[in-house]
Amino acid sequence: MPATIAMALDLRGVTVTLTVARAAVAMAGLGAREPIEVRTSDPDSVRDLTVWARATGNRLVEQSQGAGWHRFVLQTRGPRPWRRPTPSEATRRPGAGDGMAG
């Protein structure tokens, strides 16, 4: 059974640069592994959304196209697994070196 789409974006007529940016902002507001549907009309979005999803750890679940339109279902990445801090991270004091220490 397919997952319910958490959000749908109709970005037909929007340039591919804004398509990726708007998808990124929308996905930032979703929970882990929630799917979003993006509809575009820019043929470059096929390449750019695919590359962006791979580069950010999000998943391209489905892709389809028709005459003048493209549809993507993207899934937000899950929570990042815990990892042990590196020695330099473990000994760093909060506020040290970030310009926020008073």
N, C-alpha and C. Protein backbone atom coordinates (compact mmCIF):
# COMPACT_ATOMS: atom_id res chain seq x y z
N MET A 1 0.84 -1.18 0.00
CA MET A 1 0.00 0.00 0.00
C MET A 1 0.89 1.25 0.00
N PRO A 2 0.71 2.16 -0.95
CA PRO A 2 1.56 3.35 -1.02
C PRO A 2 1.31 4.28 0.17
N ALA A 3 2.37 4.99 0.57
CA ALA A 3 2.26 5.94 1.67
C ALA A 3 1.41 7.13 1.25
N THR A 4 0.73 7.73 2.20
CA THR A 4 -0.07 8.91 1.95
C THR A 4 0.87 10.10 1.73
N ILE A 5 0.59 10.88 0.72
CA ILE A 5 1.39 12.07 0.42
C ILE A 5 1.15 13.11 1.52
N ALA A 6 2.22 13.56 2.15
CA ALA A 6 2.11 14.54 3.24
C ALA A 6 1.87 15.95 2.71
N MET A 7 2.42 16.25 1.53
CA MET A 7 2.30 17.59 0.95
C MET A 7 2.43 17.49 -0.56
N ALA A 8 1.74 18.35 -1.27
CA ALA A 8 1.84 18.40 -2.74
C ALA A 8 2.22 19.82 -3.15
N LEU A 9 3.20 19.91 -4.05
CA LEU A 9 3.63 21.20 -4.59
C LEU A 9 3.39 21.21 -6.09
N ASP A 10 2.64 22.16 -6.56
CA ASP A 10 2.44 22.33 -8.00
C ASP A 10 3.35 23.47 -8.44
N LEU A 11 4.49 23.12 -9.03
CA LEU A 11 5.48 24.10 -9.44
C LEU A 11 5.59 24.20 -10.95
N ARG A 12 4.52 23.88 -11.65
CA ARG A 12 4.53 24.01 -13.10
C ARG A 12 4.65 25.49 -13.45
N GLY A 13 5.55 25.79 -14.38
CA GLY A 13 5.79 27.17 -14.78
C GLY A 13 6.90 27.85 -13.99
N VAL A 14 7.44 27.16 -12.99
CA VAL A 14 8.52 27.71 -12.17
C VAL A 14 9.86 27.18 -12.70
N THR A 15 10.89 28.04 -12.69
CA THR A 15 12.20 27.59 -13.18
C THR A 15 12.77 26.53 -12.24
N VAL A 16 13.66 25.72 -12.77
CA VAL A 16 14.18 24.58 -12.02
C VAL A 16 14.92 25.00 -10.76
N THR A 17 15.60 26.14 -10.78
CA THR A 17 16.32 26.61 -9.59
C THR A 17 15.34 26.83 -8.45
N LEU A 18 14.23 27.48 -8.73
CA LEU A 18 13.22 27.70 -7.70
C LEU A 18 12.50 26.41 -7.33
N THR A 19 12.39 25.49 -8.27
CA THR A 19 11.74 24.20 -7.98
C THR A 19 12.51 23.47 -6.90
N VAL A 20 13.81 23.37 -7.05
CA VAL A 20 14.64 22.68 -6.05
C VAL A 20 14.58 23.42 -4.72
N ALA A 21 14.68 24.73 -4.74
CA ALA A 21 14.65 25.52 -3.51
C ALA A 21 13.32 25.37 -2.79
N ARG A 22 12.22 25.45 -3.50
CA ARG A 22 10.91 25.31 -2.87
C ARG A 22 10.67 23.90 -2.35
N ALA A 23 11.13 22.91 -3.07
CA ALA A 23 11.02 21.53 -2.58
C ALA A 23 11.83 21.36 -1.31
N ALA A 24 13.03 21.93 -1.26
CA ALA A 24 13.89 21.81 -0.08
C ALA A 24 13.24 22.46 1.13
N VAL A 25 12.68 23.64 0.96
CA VAL A 25 12.02 24.34 2.07
C VAL A 25 10.81 23.55 2.55
N ALA A 26 10.02 23.05 1.63
CA ALA A 26 8.84 22.28 2.00
C ALA A 26 9.22 21.00 2.74
N MET A 27 10.26 20.31 2.26
CA MET A 27 10.67 19.07 2.89
C MET A 27 11.28 19.30 4.27
N ALA A 28 11.87 20.46 4.49
CA ALA A 28 12.45 20.77 5.80
C ALA A 28 11.38 20.82 6.88
N GLY A 29 10.15 21.12 6.50
CA GLY A 29 9.05 21.19 7.45
C GLY A 29 8.34 19.87 7.69
N LEU A 30 8.77 18.81 7.02
CA LEU A 30 8.13 17.50 7.18
C LEU A 30 8.92 16.63 8.15
N GLY A 31 8.26 15.62 8.65
CA GLY A 31 8.92 14.66 9.54
C GLY A 31 9.74 13.66 8.74
N ALA A 32 10.44 12.81 9.46
CA ALA A 32 11.30 11.80 8.84
C ALA A 32 10.48 10.84 7.99
N ARG A 33 10.96 10.61 6.79
CA ARG A 33 10.39 9.66 5.83
C ARG A 33 8.98 10.01 5.35
N GLU A 34 8.59 11.27 5.44
CA GLU A 34 7.29 11.67 4.91
C GLU A 34 7.42 11.98 3.43
N PRO A 35 6.48 11.53 2.60
CA PRO A 35 6.57 11.78 1.16
C PRO A 35 5.93 13.11 0.75
N ILE A 36 6.52 13.70 -0.27
CA ILE A 36 6.01 14.93 -0.85
C ILE A 36 5.91 14.73 -2.36
N GLU A 37 4.86 15.27 -2.95
CA GLU A 37 4.68 15.19 -4.39
C GLU A 37 5.02 16.55 -4.99
N VAL A 38 5.85 16.54 -6.02
CA VAL A 38 6.24 17.77 -6.71
C VAL A 38 5.89 17.62 -8.18
N ARG A 39 5.13 18.58 -8.70
CA ARG A 39 4.79 18.60 -10.13
C ARG A 39 5.47 19.80 -10.77
N THR A 40 6.14 19.55 -11.90
CA THR A 40 6.88 20.61 -12.58
C THR A 40 6.59 20.55 -14.08
N SER A 41 6.99 21.60 -14.77
CA SER A 41 6.91 21.60 -16.24
C SER A 41 8.28 21.78 -16.87
N ASP A 42 9.29 22.05 -16.08
CA ASP A 42 10.64 22.27 -16.58
C ASP A 42 11.34 20.93 -16.81
N PRO A 43 11.76 20.62 -18.03
CA PRO A 43 12.42 19.34 -18.29
C PRO A 43 13.73 19.16 -17.52
N ASP A 44 14.40 20.25 -17.16
CA ASP A 44 15.63 20.16 -16.39
C ASP A 44 15.39 19.67 -14.95
N SER A 45 14.16 19.74 -14.50
CA SER A 45 13.87 19.29 -13.14
C SER A 45 14.08 17.79 -12.98
N VAL A 46 13.99 17.03 -14.07
CA VAL A 46 14.22 15.59 -14.01
C VAL A 46 15.63 15.32 -13.49
N ARG A 47 16.60 15.99 -14.07
CA ARG A 47 17.99 15.83 -13.65
C ARG A 47 18.23 16.47 -12.29
N ASP A 48 17.80 17.71 -12.13
CA ASP A 48 18.16 18.47 -10.94
C ASP A 48 17.52 17.94 -9.66
N LEU A 49 16.25 17.57 -9.70
CA LEU A 49 15.62 17.02 -8.49
C LEU A 49 16.21 15.65 -8.13
N THR A 50 16.55 14.86 -9.13
CA THR A 50 17.17 13.55 -8.88
C THR A 50 18.53 13.72 -8.21
N VAL A 51 19.35 14.60 -8.75
CA VAL A 51 20.69 14.84 -8.19
C VAL A 51 20.57 15.46 -6.80
N TRP A 52 19.68 16.42 -6.63
CA TRP A 52 19.50 17.07 -5.33
C TRP A 52 19.06 16.05 -4.27
N ALA A 53 18.11 15.18 -4.62
CA ALA A 53 17.64 14.18 -3.65
C ALA A 53 18.80 13.28 -3.22
N ARG A 54 19.58 12.82 -4.17
CA ARG A 54 20.71 11.94 -3.85
C ARG A 54 21.74 12.68 -2.98
N ALA A 55 22.03 13.92 -3.30
CA ALA A 55 23.04 14.69 -2.59
C ALA A 55 22.62 15.03 -1.15
N THR A 56 21.33 15.15 -0.91
CA THR A 56 20.84 15.53 0.42
C THR A 56 20.41 14.35 1.27
N GLY A 57 20.42 13.16 0.70
CA GLY A 57 20.01 11.98 1.47
C GLY A 57 18.52 11.72 1.43
N ASN A 58 17.79 12.54 0.67
CA ASN A 58 16.37 12.28 0.48
C ASN A 58 16.22 11.22 -0.60
N ARG A 59 15.05 10.65 -0.71
CA ARG A 59 14.86 9.52 -1.63
C ARG A 59 13.83 9.85 -2.70
N LEU A 60 14.18 9.59 -3.95
CA LEU A 60 13.23 9.71 -5.05
C LEU A 60 12.47 8.40 -5.12
N VAL A 61 11.21 8.43 -4.72
CA VAL A 61 10.39 7.22 -4.62
C VAL A 61 9.73 6.89 -5.95
N GLU A 62 9.29 7.93 -6.65
CA GLU A 62 8.54 7.72 -7.89
C GLU A 62 8.75 8.90 -8.82
N GLN A 63 8.73 8.61 -10.11
CA GLN A 63 8.88 9.67 -11.11
C GLN A 63 8.05 9.28 -12.32
N SER A 64 7.28 10.23 -12.83
CA SER A 64 6.52 9.99 -14.05
C SER A 64 6.45 11.30 -14.83
N GLN A 65 6.08 11.17 -16.09
CA GLN A 65 5.98 12.37 -16.92
C GLN A 65 4.95 12.17 -18.01
N GLY A 66 4.49 13.30 -18.52
CA GLY A 66 3.55 13.29 -19.63
C GLY A 66 3.87 14.45 -20.55
N ALA A 67 2.93 14.84 -21.35
CA ALA A 67 3.15 15.94 -22.29
C ALA A 67 3.24 17.26 -21.54
N GLY A 68 4.47 17.72 -21.32
CA GLY A 68 4.69 19.02 -20.68
C GLY A 68 4.67 19.02 -19.17
N TRP A 69 4.64 17.88 -18.53
CA TRP A 69 4.67 17.84 -17.07
C TRP A 69 5.53 16.70 -16.56
N HIS A 70 6.00 16.86 -15.33
CA HIS A 70 6.81 15.86 -14.64
C HIS A 70 6.29 15.76 -13.22
N ARG A 71 6.23 14.56 -12.69
CA ARG A 71 5.75 14.33 -11.33
C ARG A 71 6.80 13.52 -10.57
N PHE A 72 7.10 13.98 -9.37
CA PHE A 72 8.08 13.32 -8.50
C PHE A 72 7.45 13.08 -7.15
N VAL A 73 7.74 11.95 -6.57
CA VAL A 73 7.41 11.71 -5.16
C VAL A 73 8.74 11.52 -4.46
N LEU A 74 9.02 12.41 -3.54
CA LEU A 74 10.27 12.40 -2.79
C LEU A 74 9.95 12.08 -1.33
N GLN A 75 10.86 11.40 -0.68
CA GLN A 75 10.68 11.05 0.72
C GLN A 75 11.82 11.66 1.52
N THR A 76 11.47 12.33 2.61
CA THR A 76 12.50 12.95 3.45
C THR A 76 13.36 11.86 4.07
N ARG A 77 14.61 12.19 4.29
CA ARG A 77 15.52 11.21 4.89
C ARG A 77 15.10 10.96 6.34
N GLY A 78 15.49 9.80 6.82
CA GLY A 78 15.21 9.46 8.21
C GLY A 78 16.17 10.18 9.13
N PRO A 79 16.00 9.99 10.41
CA PRO A 79 16.93 10.63 11.35
C PRO A 79 18.34 10.10 11.15
N ARG A 80 19.29 10.96 11.33
CA ARG A 80 20.69 10.54 11.17
C ARG A 80 21.07 9.63 12.32
N PRO A 81 21.77 8.55 12.03
CA PRO A 81 22.18 7.66 13.11
C PRO A 81 23.17 8.34 14.04
N TRP A 82 23.12 7.98 15.30
CA TRP A 82 24.04 8.53 16.28
C TRP A 82 25.45 8.10 15.95
N ARG A 83 26.40 8.96 16.16
CA ARG A 83 27.80 8.60 15.99
C ARG A 83 28.59 9.17 17.16
N ARG A 84 29.68 8.50 17.49
CA ARG A 84 30.53 8.96 18.59
C ARG A 84 31.25 10.23 18.14
N PRO A 85 31.27 11.27 19.00
CA PRO A 85 31.97 12.49 18.64
C PRO A 85 33.46 12.24 18.45
N THR A 86 34.06 12.99 17.53
CA THR A 86 35.50 12.91 17.35
C THR A 86 36.16 13.52 18.60
N PRO A 87 37.43 13.22 18.85
CA PRO A 87 38.10 13.79 20.03
C PRO A 87 38.03 15.32 20.07
N SER A 88 38.17 15.97 18.92
CA SER A 88 38.11 17.44 18.93
C SER A 88 36.70 17.94 19.24
N GLU A 89 35.68 17.23 18.81
CA GLU A 89 34.30 17.61 19.15
C GLU A 89 34.01 17.37 20.62
N ALA A 90 34.55 16.28 21.16
CA ALA A 90 34.28 15.92 22.55
C ALA A 90 34.91 16.90 23.53
N THR A 91 36.05 17.52 23.18
CA THR A 91 36.74 18.42 24.10
C THR A 91 36.40 19.88 23.85
N ARG A 92 35.66 20.18 22.84
CA ARG A 92 35.31 21.57 22.52
C ARG A 92 34.29 22.09 23.51
N ARG A 93 34.53 23.26 24.05
CA ARG A 93 33.61 23.89 24.99
C ARG A 93 32.49 24.59 24.21
N PRO A 94 31.25 24.53 24.67
CA PRO A 94 30.18 25.27 24.01
C PRO A 94 30.53 26.75 23.96
N GLY A 95 30.36 27.35 22.84
CA GLY A 95 30.64 28.78 22.68
C GLY A 95 32.07 29.09 22.30
N ALA A 96 32.97 28.12 22.44
CA ALA A 96 34.38 28.38 22.14
C ALA A 96 34.60 28.46 20.63
N GLY A 97 35.12 29.57 20.18
CA GLY A 97 35.47 29.73 18.79
C GLY A 97 34.31 30.05 17.85
N ASP A 98 33.11 30.25 18.41
CA ASP A 98 31.99 30.55 17.51
C ASP A 98 31.61 32.03 17.56
N GLY A 99 32.41 32.81 18.28
CA GLY A 99 32.15 34.24 18.33
C GLY A 99 31.01 34.60 19.26
N MET A 100 30.45 33.63 19.97
CA MET A 100 29.31 33.88 20.84
C MET A 100 29.73 34.00 22.31
N ALA A 101 30.96 33.61 22.63
CA ALA A 101 31.42 33.67 24.02
C ALA A 101 31.60 35.12 24.44
N GLY A 102 31.19 35.42 25.64
CA GLY A 102 31.22 36.81 26.08
C GLY A 102 32.40 37.11 26.84
